[in-house]
């Protein structure tokens, strides 16, 4: 799954966003997808795995990281920031929290979780 932006393609941002949202619908993702979702590098991802801040397992030779642990990590990080606007961080972090709580909350109820 490629998340990069192609210069000159006016739809690349939309396609990138759709790819990221589709990744959140899965139960687990490969390390590269997790890096893209969290906007971190390879070393930082494996540091988070070593600290047990993200949960992973091996399926054959492939490492898989649970999307639930990525969401939990984001929630923990968002709680570290002061709450200037009625409990929600402003900017991209607040938007990320809104996305996780509203969109995923509705989907989880339908799946029976």
C-alpha atoms as a PDB file:
ATOM      1  CA  UNK A   1       0.000   0.000   0.000  1.00  0.00           C
ATOM      2  CA  UNK A   2       1.551   3.290  -1.113  1.00  0.00           C
ATOM      3  CA  UNK A   3       0.801   6.503   0.787  1.00  0.00           C
ATOM      4  CA  UNK A   4       3.192   8.814  -1.054  1.00  0.00           C
ATOM      5  CA  UNK A   5       2.018  11.891  -2.893  1.00  0.00           C
ATOM      6  CA  UNK A   6       2.670  12.069  -6.631  1.00  0.00           C
ATOM      7  CA  UNK A   7       3.674  15.605  -7.699  1.00  0.00           C
ATOM      8  CA  UNK A   8       1.244  17.177 -10.115  1.00  0.00           C
ATOM      9  CA  UNK A   9      -1.604  14.775  -9.323  1.00  0.00           C
ATOM     10  CA  UNK A  10      -4.440  16.810  -7.819  1.00  0.00           C
ATOM     11  CA  UNK A  11      -6.181  13.655  -6.555  1.00  0.00           C
ATOM     12  CA  UNK A  12      -3.160  12.197  -4.763  1.00  0.00           C
ATOM     13  CA  UNK A  13      -4.092  13.714  -1.390  1.00  0.00           C
ATOM     14  CA  UNK A  14      -7.614  12.312  -1.609  1.00  0.00           C
ATOM     15  CA  UNK A  15      -6.365   8.863  -2.602  1.00  0.00           C
ATOM     16  CA  UNK A  16      -3.798   8.941   0.205  1.00  0.00           C
ATOM     17  CA  UNK A  17      -6.515   9.777   2.735  1.00  0.00           C
ATOM     18  CA  UNK A  18      -8.763   7.006   1.402  1.00  0.00           C
ATOM     19  CA  UNK A  19      -5.897   4.512   1.709  1.00  0.00           C
ATOM     20  CA  UNK A  20      -5.233   5.528   5.311  1.00  0.00           C
ATOM     21  CA  UNK A  21      -8.915   5.259   6.261  1.00  0.00           C
ATOM     22  CA  UNK A  22      -9.100   1.833   4.584  1.00  0.00           C
ATOM     23  CA  UNK A  23      -6.111   0.709   6.667  1.00  0.00           C
ATOM     24  CA  UNK A  24      -8.008   1.596   9.843  1.00  0.00           C
ATOM     25  CA  UNK A  25     -10.800  -0.803   8.857  1.00  0.00           C
ATOM     26  CA  UNK A  26      -8.387  -3.731   9.126  1.00  0.00           C
ATOM     27  CA  UNK A  27      -7.489  -5.465  12.376  1.00  0.00           C
ATOM     28  CA  UNK A  28      -3.747  -5.402  11.692  1.00  0.00           C
ATOM     29  CA  UNK A  29      -1.305  -3.710   9.332  1.00  0.00           C
ATOM     30  CA  UNK A  30       2.272  -4.209   8.140  1.00  0.00           C
ATOM     31  CA  UNK A  31       5.023  -2.039   9.702  1.00  0.00           C
ATOM     32  CA  UNK A  32       5.266   0.298   6.682  1.00  0.00           C
ATOM     33  CA  UNK A  33       1.541   1.067   6.885  1.00  0.00           C
ATOM     34  CA  UNK A  34       1.820   1.667  10.654  1.00  0.00           C
ATOM     35  CA  UNK A  35       4.743   4.029  10.012  1.00  0.00           C
ATOM     36  CA  UNK A  36       2.651   5.950   7.503  1.00  0.00           C
ATOM     37  CA  UNK A  37      -0.399   6.072   9.785  1.00  0.00           C
ATOM     38  CA  UNK A  38       1.656   7.391  12.694  1.00  0.00           C
ATOM     39  CA  UNK A  39       3.916   9.527  10.478  1.00  0.00           C
ATOM     40  CA  UNK A  40       7.034   8.067  12.082  1.00  0.00           C
ATOM     41  CA  UNK A  41      10.146   6.353  10.802  1.00  0.00           C
ATOM     42  CA  UNK A  42      11.248   2.745  10.899  1.00  0.00           C
ATOM     43  CA  UNK A  43      13.451   3.167  14.001  1.00  0.00           C
ATOM     44  CA  UNK A  44      10.731   4.957  15.967  1.00  0.00           C
ATOM     45  CA  UNK A  45       8.186   2.248  15.116  1.00  0.00           C
ATOM     46  CA  UNK A  46      10.455  -0.530  16.342  1.00  0.00           C
ATOM     47  CA  UNK A  47      11.250   1.507  19.461  1.00  0.00           C
ATOM     48  CA  UNK A  48       7.501   1.668  20.205  1.00  0.00           C
ATOM     49  CA  UNK A  49       7.272  -2.084  19.641  1.00  0.00           C
ATOM     50  CA  UNK A  50      10.229  -2.706  21.976  1.00  0.00           C
ATOM     51  CA  UNK A  51       8.551  -0.557  24.670  1.00  0.00           C
ATOM     52  CA  UNK A  52       5.317  -2.571  24.203  1.00  0.00           C
ATOM     53  CA  UNK A  53       3.437   0.608  23.296  1.00  0.00           C
ATOM     54  CA  UNK A  54       2.241  -1.142  20.132  1.00  0.00           C
ATOM     55  CA  UNK A  55       1.206  -4.787  19.934  1.00  0.00           C
ATOM     56  CA  UNK A  56       2.487  -6.987  17.145  1.00  0.00           C
ATOM     57  CA  UNK A  57       2.862 -10.589  16.106  1.00  0.00           C
ATOM     58  CA  UNK A  58       4.478 -12.544  13.302  1.00  0.00           C
ATOM     59  CA  UNK A  59       2.441 -14.257  10.608  1.00  0.00           C
ATOM     60  CA  UNK A  60       5.031 -16.462   8.944  1.00  0.00           C
ATOM     61  CA  UNK A  61       7.871 -14.054   8.179  1.00  0.00           C
ATOM     62  CA  UNK A  62       5.627 -10.974   8.125  1.00  0.00           C
ATOM     63  CA  UNK A  63       5.321  -8.684  11.154  1.00  0.00           C
ATOM     64  CA  UNK A  64       1.747  -7.449  11.803  1.00  0.00           C
ATOM     65  CA  UNK A  65       0.774  -4.588  14.135  1.00  0.00           C
ATOM     66  CA  UNK A  66      -2.737  -4.371  15.551  1.00  0.00           C
ATOM     67  CA  UNK A  67      -4.736  -1.306  14.576  1.00  0.00           C
ATOM     68  CA  UNK A  68      -6.321  -1.323  18.043  1.00  0.00           C
ATOM     69  CA  UNK A  69      -2.881  -0.797  19.612  1.00  0.00           C
ATOM     70  CA  UNK A  70      -2.180   2.071  17.184  1.00  0.00           C
ATOM     71  CA  UNK A  71      -5.470   3.707  18.195  1.00  0.00           C
ATOM     72  CA  UNK A  72      -4.726   3.165  21.907  1.00  0.00           C
ATOM     73  CA  UNK A  73      -1.262   4.688  21.459  1.00  0.00           C
ATOM     74  CA  UNK A  74      -2.773   7.779  19.800  1.00  0.00           C
ATOM     75  CA  UNK A  75      -5.313   8.155  22.599  1.00  0.00           C
ATOM     76  CA  UNK A  76      -2.545   7.944  25.235  1.00  0.00           C
ATOM     77  CA  UNK A  77      -0.491  10.550  23.377  1.00  0.00           C
ATOM     78  CA  UNK A  78      -3.471  12.884  22.978  1.00  0.00           C
ATOM     79  CA  UNK A  79      -4.214  12.750  26.705  1.00  0.00           C
ATOM     80  CA  UNK A  80      -0.742  14.132  27.445  1.00  0.00           C
ATOM     81  CA  UNK A  81      -1.596  17.519  25.898  1.00  0.00           C
ATOM     82  CA  UNK A  82      -3.415  20.341  27.712  1.00  0.00           C
ATOM     83  CA  UNK A  83      -7.085  20.717  26.895  1.00  0.00           C
ATOM     84  CA  UNK A  84      -7.553  24.298  25.636  1.00  0.00           C
ATOM     85  CA  UNK A  85     -10.877  23.922  23.790  1.00  0.00           C
ATOM     86  CA  UNK A  86     -13.361  22.038  25.944  1.00  0.00           C
ATOM     87  CA  UNK A  87     -11.167  19.001  26.355  1.00  0.00           C
ATOM     88  CA  UNK A  88     -10.037  18.619  22.740  1.00  0.00           C
ATOM     89  CA  UNK A  89      -6.556  19.450  21.486  1.00  0.00           C
ATOM     90  CA  UNK A  90      -6.599  21.940  18.641  1.00  0.00           C
ATOM     91  CA  UNK A  91      -5.151  21.295  15.226  1.00  0.00           C
ATOM     92  CA  UNK A  92      -4.374  17.916  13.696  1.00  0.00           C
ATOM     93  CA  UNK A  93      -4.286  16.093  17.037  1.00  0.00           C
ATOM     94  CA  UNK A  94      -7.838  17.121  17.857  1.00  0.00           C
ATOM     95  CA  UNK A  95      -8.966  16.104  14.394  1.00  0.00           C
ATOM     96  CA  UNK A  96      -7.305  12.706  14.801  1.00  0.00           C
ATOM     97  CA  UNK A  97      -9.064  12.133  18.125  1.00  0.00           C
ATOM     98  CA  UNK A  98     -12.426  13.160  16.652  1.00  0.00           C
ATOM     99  CA  UNK A  99     -11.887  10.748  13.765  1.00  0.00           C
ATOM    100  CA  UNK A 100     -10.976   7.877  16.073  1.00  0.00           C
ATOM    101  CA  UNK A 101     -13.829   8.371  18.517  1.00  0.00           C
ATOM    102  CA  UNK A 102     -16.653   9.145  16.067  1.00  0.00           C
ATOM    103  CA  UNK A 103     -15.927   7.052  12.980  1.00  0.00           C
ATOM    104  CA  UNK A 104     -14.425   3.984  14.652  1.00  0.00           C
ATOM    105  CA  UNK A 105     -16.942   4.045  17.492  1.00  0.00           C
ATOM    106  CA  UNK A 106     -19.819   3.659  15.052  1.00  0.00           C
ATOM    107  CA  UNK A 107     -18.080   0.825  13.188  1.00  0.00           C
ATOM    108  CA  UNK A 108     -17.171  -1.064  16.348  1.00  0.00           C
ATOM    109  CA  UNK A 109     -20.756  -1.223  17.533  1.00  0.00           C
ATOM    110  CA  UNK A 110     -21.847  -2.742  14.254  1.00  0.00           C
ATOM    111  CA  UNK A 111     -19.141  -5.432  14.401  1.00  0.00           C
ATOM    112  CA  UNK A 112     -20.246  -6.525  17.836  1.00  0.00           C
ATOM    113  CA  UNK A 113     -17.175  -5.298  19.697  1.00  0.00           C
END
